[in-house]
Amino acid sequence: MEGFFSFLLFAGLFYLMMRVGCGAHMMHGHHGASDENSSKHIDPVCAKNVPPNEGYGKMHEGRLYRFCSRKCLDAFDQNPERYLPESSEAMS
């Protein structure tokens, strides 16, 4: 009976460590590429790389476009079709 309680204690400690301790990162996907590297945004107006939480963002036809400056955002607002990639036009 003492062995059974020791096993339960060990199993409980193991569960807690995996849930909130050493193994917790495995459940949240932190073992792969970081969010900064996995989602790259290219400004459709000037073709510059825009980090995910910088610049300006605009939803157009259900897709998020990011812009490096207000000038590029305004240019896109005036004529979005000019800057849309051909692949997204073919999908519509």
N, C-alpha and C. Protein backbone atom coordinates (compact mmCIF):
# COMPACT_ATOMS: atom_id res chain seq x y z
N MET A 1 0.82 -1.18 0.00
CA MET A 1 0.00 0.00 0.00
C MET A 1 0.87 1.26 0.00
N GLU A 2 2.00 1.19 0.71
CA GLU A 2 2.91 2.35 0.76
C GLU A 2 3.48 2.65 -0.63
N GLY A 3 3.74 1.61 -1.41
CA GLY A 3 4.24 1.79 -2.76
C GLY A 3 3.21 2.48 -3.66
N PHE A 4 1.94 2.17 -3.46
CA PHE A 4 0.87 2.78 -4.24
C PHE A 4 0.79 4.28 -3.96
N PHE A 5 0.86 4.68 -2.71
CA PHE A 5 0.81 6.10 -2.36
C PHE A 5 2.05 6.84 -2.86
N SER A 6 3.18 6.18 -2.83
CA SER A 6 4.40 6.79 -3.38
C SER A 6 4.25 7.02 -4.88
N PHE A 7 3.67 6.03 -5.55
CA PHE A 7 3.42 6.17 -6.98
C PHE A 7 2.46 7.33 -7.26
N LEU A 8 1.37 7.43 -6.51
CA LEU A 8 0.42 8.53 -6.69
C LEU A 8 1.07 9.88 -6.44
N LEU A 9 1.90 9.97 -5.42
CA LEU A 9 2.60 11.22 -5.12
C LEU A 9 3.54 11.58 -6.27
N PHE A 10 4.29 10.62 -6.76
CA PHE A 10 5.19 10.86 -7.89
C PHE A 10 4.41 11.27 -9.14
N ALA A 11 3.31 10.57 -9.42
CA ALA A 11 2.50 10.89 -10.59
C ALA A 11 1.90 12.30 -10.48
N GLY A 12 1.45 12.67 -9.27
CA GLY A 12 0.91 14.01 -9.06
C GLY A 12 1.96 15.09 -9.26
N LEU A 13 3.16 14.88 -8.74
CA LEU A 13 4.24 15.85 -8.93
C LEU A 13 4.63 15.94 -10.41
N PHE A 14 4.69 14.81 -11.07
CA PHE A 14 5.02 14.80 -12.50
C PHE A 14 3.97 15.58 -13.29
N TYR A 15 2.70 15.36 -12.99
CA TYR A 15 1.62 16.07 -13.67
C TYR A 15 1.77 17.59 -13.46
N LEU A 16 1.99 18.01 -12.22
CA LEU A 16 2.13 19.45 -11.94
C LEU A 16 3.32 20.05 -12.67
N MET A 17 4.43 19.33 -12.70
CA MET A 17 5.62 19.85 -13.39
C MET A 17 5.36 19.98 -14.89
N MET A 18 4.68 19.03 -15.47
CA MET A 18 4.39 19.11 -16.90
C MET A 18 3.33 20.16 -17.20
N ARG A 19 2.42 20.37 -16.29
CA ARG A 19 1.32 21.31 -16.51
C ARG A 19 1.77 22.76 -16.36
N VAL A 20 2.52 23.08 -15.32
CA VAL A 20 2.90 24.48 -15.05
C VAL A 20 4.39 24.70 -14.95
N GLY A 21 5.16 23.66 -14.94
CA GLY A 21 6.60 23.82 -14.73
C GLY A 21 7.40 23.61 -15.99
N CYS A 22 8.34 22.73 -15.91
CA CYS A 22 9.32 22.51 -16.98
C CYS A 22 8.70 22.16 -18.32
N GLY A 23 7.67 21.35 -18.34
CA GLY A 23 7.10 20.90 -19.60
C GLY A 23 5.98 21.77 -20.13
N ALA A 24 5.62 22.84 -19.45
CA ALA A 24 4.48 23.66 -19.86
C ALA A 24 4.68 24.28 -21.24
N HIS A 25 5.91 24.59 -21.59
CA HIS A 25 6.16 25.21 -22.89
C HIS A 25 5.82 24.27 -24.05
N MET A 26 5.82 22.99 -23.83
CA MET A 26 5.51 22.04 -24.90
C MET A 26 4.05 22.13 -25.32
N MET A 27 3.18 22.51 -24.41
CA MET A 27 1.76 22.57 -24.71
C MET A 27 1.38 23.84 -25.47
N HIS A 28 2.21 24.85 -25.42
CA HIS A 28 1.85 26.13 -26.01
C HIS A 28 2.57 26.40 -27.32
N GLY A 29 3.29 25.45 -27.85
CA GLY A 29 3.93 25.63 -29.14
C GLY A 29 5.17 26.50 -29.10
N HIS A 30 5.82 26.67 -27.96
CA HIS A 30 7.00 27.51 -27.87
C HIS A 30 8.27 26.78 -28.29
N HIS A 31 8.14 25.53 -28.68
CA HIS A 31 9.32 24.78 -29.07
C HIS A 31 9.65 24.95 -30.54
N GLY A 32 8.82 25.64 -31.30
CA GLY A 32 9.06 25.86 -32.72
C GLY A 32 9.55 27.27 -32.98
N ALA A 33 9.27 27.76 -34.19
CA ALA A 33 9.68 29.11 -34.57
C ALA A 33 8.88 30.13 -33.79
N SER A 34 9.50 31.25 -33.51
CA SER A 34 8.81 32.30 -32.78
C SER A 34 7.79 32.99 -33.67
N ASP A 35 6.84 33.70 -33.06
CA ASP A 35 5.81 34.39 -33.82
C ASP A 35 6.39 35.45 -34.73
N GLU A 36 7.48 36.08 -34.30
CA GLU A 36 8.07 37.13 -35.11
C GLU A 36 8.59 36.59 -36.43
N ASN A 37 9.13 35.39 -36.41
CA ASN A 37 9.68 34.81 -37.63
C ASN A 37 8.63 34.11 -38.47
N SER A 38 7.54 33.66 -37.84
CA SER A 38 6.58 32.86 -38.58
C SER A 38 5.61 33.69 -39.39
N SER A 39 5.37 34.93 -39.00
CA SER A 39 4.45 35.76 -39.78
C SER A 39 5.17 36.98 -40.31
N LYS A 40 5.51 36.93 -41.58
CA LYS A 40 6.19 38.05 -42.22
C LYS A 40 5.20 38.81 -43.06
N HIS A 41 5.28 40.12 -42.99
CA HIS A 41 4.39 40.97 -43.77
C HIS A 41 5.23 41.81 -44.72
N ILE A 42 4.81 41.86 -45.96
CA ILE A 42 5.47 42.68 -46.97
C ILE A 42 4.51 43.81 -47.35
N ASP A 43 5.01 45.03 -47.27
CA ASP A 43 4.22 46.19 -47.67
C ASP A 43 3.92 46.05 -49.17
N PRO A 44 2.64 45.99 -49.57
CA PRO A 44 2.33 45.79 -50.99
C PRO A 44 2.67 46.99 -51.87
N VAL A 45 2.86 48.17 -51.27
CA VAL A 45 3.15 49.36 -52.06
C VAL A 45 4.63 49.47 -52.37
N CYS A 46 5.49 49.35 -51.34
CA CYS A 46 6.93 49.55 -51.56
C CYS A 46 7.74 48.26 -51.41
N ALA A 47 7.09 47.15 -51.09
CA ALA A 47 7.71 45.82 -50.97
C ALA A 47 8.73 45.72 -49.85
N LYS A 48 8.60 46.55 -48.81
CA LYS A 48 9.48 46.44 -47.64
C LYS A 48 8.90 45.44 -46.66
N ASN A 49 9.80 44.79 -45.89
CA ASN A 49 9.39 43.87 -44.84
C ASN A 49 8.91 44.69 -43.64
N VAL A 50 7.71 44.38 -43.14
CA VAL A 50 7.14 45.11 -42.00
C VAL A 50 6.97 44.12 -40.85
N PRO A 51 7.62 44.36 -39.70
CA PRO A 51 7.44 43.48 -38.54
C PRO A 51 5.96 43.43 -38.13
N PRO A 52 5.51 42.31 -37.55
CA PRO A 52 4.09 42.11 -37.25
C PRO A 52 3.42 43.21 -36.44
N ASN A 53 4.08 43.80 -35.47
CA ASN A 53 3.44 44.80 -34.62
C ASN A 53 3.94 46.20 -34.88
N GLU A 54 4.38 46.48 -36.07
CA GLU A 54 4.86 47.81 -36.42
C GLU A 54 4.15 48.30 -37.67
N GLY A 55 4.27 49.58 -37.92
CA GLY A 55 3.67 50.16 -39.11
C GLY A 55 2.17 50.29 -38.99
N TYR A 56 1.49 50.21 -40.12
CA TYR A 56 0.04 50.36 -40.19
C TYR A 56 -0.56 49.09 -40.77
N GLY A 57 -1.76 48.76 -40.32
CA GLY A 57 -2.44 47.59 -40.83
C GLY A 57 -3.79 47.96 -41.41
N LYS A 58 -4.22 47.22 -42.42
CA LYS A 58 -5.54 47.45 -43.03
C LYS A 58 -6.10 46.12 -43.50
N MET A 59 -7.37 45.89 -43.17
CA MET A 59 -8.07 44.72 -43.67
C MET A 59 -8.68 45.06 -45.02
N HIS A 60 -8.43 44.22 -46.00
CA HIS A 60 -8.99 44.42 -47.34
C HIS A 60 -9.42 43.06 -47.86
N GLU A 61 -10.71 42.91 -48.14
CA GLU A 61 -11.27 41.66 -48.63
C GLU A 61 -10.91 40.47 -47.74
N GLY A 62 -10.99 40.68 -46.42
CA GLY A 62 -10.74 39.61 -45.47
C GLY A 62 -9.29 39.27 -45.23
N ARG A 63 -8.38 40.06 -45.72
CA ARG A 63 -6.96 39.79 -45.55
C ARG A 63 -6.28 41.02 -44.95
N LEU A 64 -5.34 40.79 -44.03
CA LEU A 64 -4.60 41.88 -43.39
C LEU A 64 -3.38 42.25 -44.22
N TYR A 65 -3.27 43.51 -44.54
CA TYR A 65 -2.09 44.05 -45.22
C TYR A 65 -1.42 45.00 -44.26
N ARG A 66 -0.07 44.96 -44.20
CA ARG A 66 0.68 45.86 -43.32
C ARG A 66 1.52 46.79 -44.17
N PHE A 67 1.65 48.03 -43.68
CA PHE A 67 2.34 49.09 -44.42
C PHE A 67 3.41 49.71 -43.54
N CYS A 68 4.53 50.08 -44.15
CA CYS A 68 5.65 50.64 -43.40
C CYS A 68 5.39 52.09 -43.00
N SER A 69 4.55 52.79 -43.73
CA SER A 69 4.31 54.21 -43.44
C SER A 69 2.87 54.59 -43.78
N ARG A 70 2.48 55.74 -43.27
CA ARG A 70 1.14 56.26 -43.58
C ARG A 70 1.02 56.58 -45.07
N LYS A 71 2.12 57.00 -45.67
CA LYS A 71 2.13 57.32 -47.10
C LYS A 71 1.77 56.09 -47.94
N CYS A 72 2.36 54.95 -47.60
CA CYS A 72 2.05 53.71 -48.33
C CYS A 72 0.60 53.28 -48.09
N LEU A 73 0.11 53.43 -46.86
CA LEU A 73 -1.27 53.09 -46.55
C LEU A 73 -2.23 53.96 -47.36
N ASP A 74 -1.95 55.26 -47.44
CA ASP A 74 -2.81 56.17 -48.21
C ASP A 74 -2.80 55.82 -49.70
N ALA A 75 -1.63 55.46 -50.22
CA ALA A 75 -1.54 55.07 -51.63
C ALA A 75 -2.37 53.82 -51.89
N PHE A 76 -2.34 52.86 -50.98
CA PHE A 76 -3.14 51.64 -51.11
C PHE A 76 -4.62 51.97 -51.04
N ASP A 77 -5.00 52.86 -50.11
CA ASP A 77 -6.41 53.24 -49.97
C ASP A 77 -6.97 53.86 -51.25
N GLN A 78 -6.15 54.61 -51.96
CA GLN A 78 -6.61 55.28 -53.17
C GLN A 78 -6.88 54.30 -54.31
N ASN A 79 -6.06 53.23 -54.40
CA ASN A 79 -6.23 52.27 -55.49
C ASN A 79 -5.71 50.89 -55.07
N PRO A 80 -6.48 50.15 -54.27
CA PRO A 80 -6.00 48.85 -53.77
C PRO A 80 -5.68 47.85 -54.87
N GLU A 81 -6.45 47.83 -55.95
CA GLU A 81 -6.24 46.84 -57.01
C GLU A 81 -4.87 46.98 -57.66
N ARG A 82 -4.34 48.17 -57.65
CA ARG A 82 -3.02 48.40 -58.24
C ARG A 82 -1.93 47.64 -57.49
N TYR A 83 -2.10 47.47 -56.18
CA TYR A 83 -1.06 46.88 -55.34
C TYR A 83 -1.35 45.44 -54.93
N LEU A 84 -2.52 44.92 -55.25
CA LEU A 84 -2.83 43.54 -54.87
C LEU A 84 -2.05 42.56 -55.73
N PRO A 85 -1.54 41.48 -55.11
CA PRO A 85 -0.88 40.45 -55.91
C PRO A 85 -1.89 39.76 -56.82
N GLU A 86 -1.43 39.33 -57.97
CA GLU A 86 -2.33 38.71 -58.95
C GLU A 86 -2.94 37.43 -58.42
N SER A 87 -2.23 36.71 -57.53
CA SER A 87 -2.77 35.45 -57.00
C SER A 87 -4.02 35.69 -56.18
N SER A 88 -4.11 36.81 -55.45
CA SER A 88 -5.32 37.06 -54.66
C SER A 88 -6.48 37.48 -55.55
N GLU A 89 -6.20 38.11 -56.69
CA GLU A 89 -7.26 38.48 -57.62
C GLU A 89 -7.82 37.24 -58.29
N ALA A 90 -6.97 36.27 -58.57
CA ALA A 90 -7.41 35.05 -59.23
C ALA A 90 -8.27 34.21 -58.29
N MET A 91 -8.07 34.33 -56.98
CA MET A 91 -8.82 33.56 -56.01
C MET A 91 -10.24 34.10 -55.85
N SER A 92 -10.50 35.35 -56.17
CA SER A 92 -11.82 35.95 -55.98
C SER A 92 -12.80 35.47 -57.01
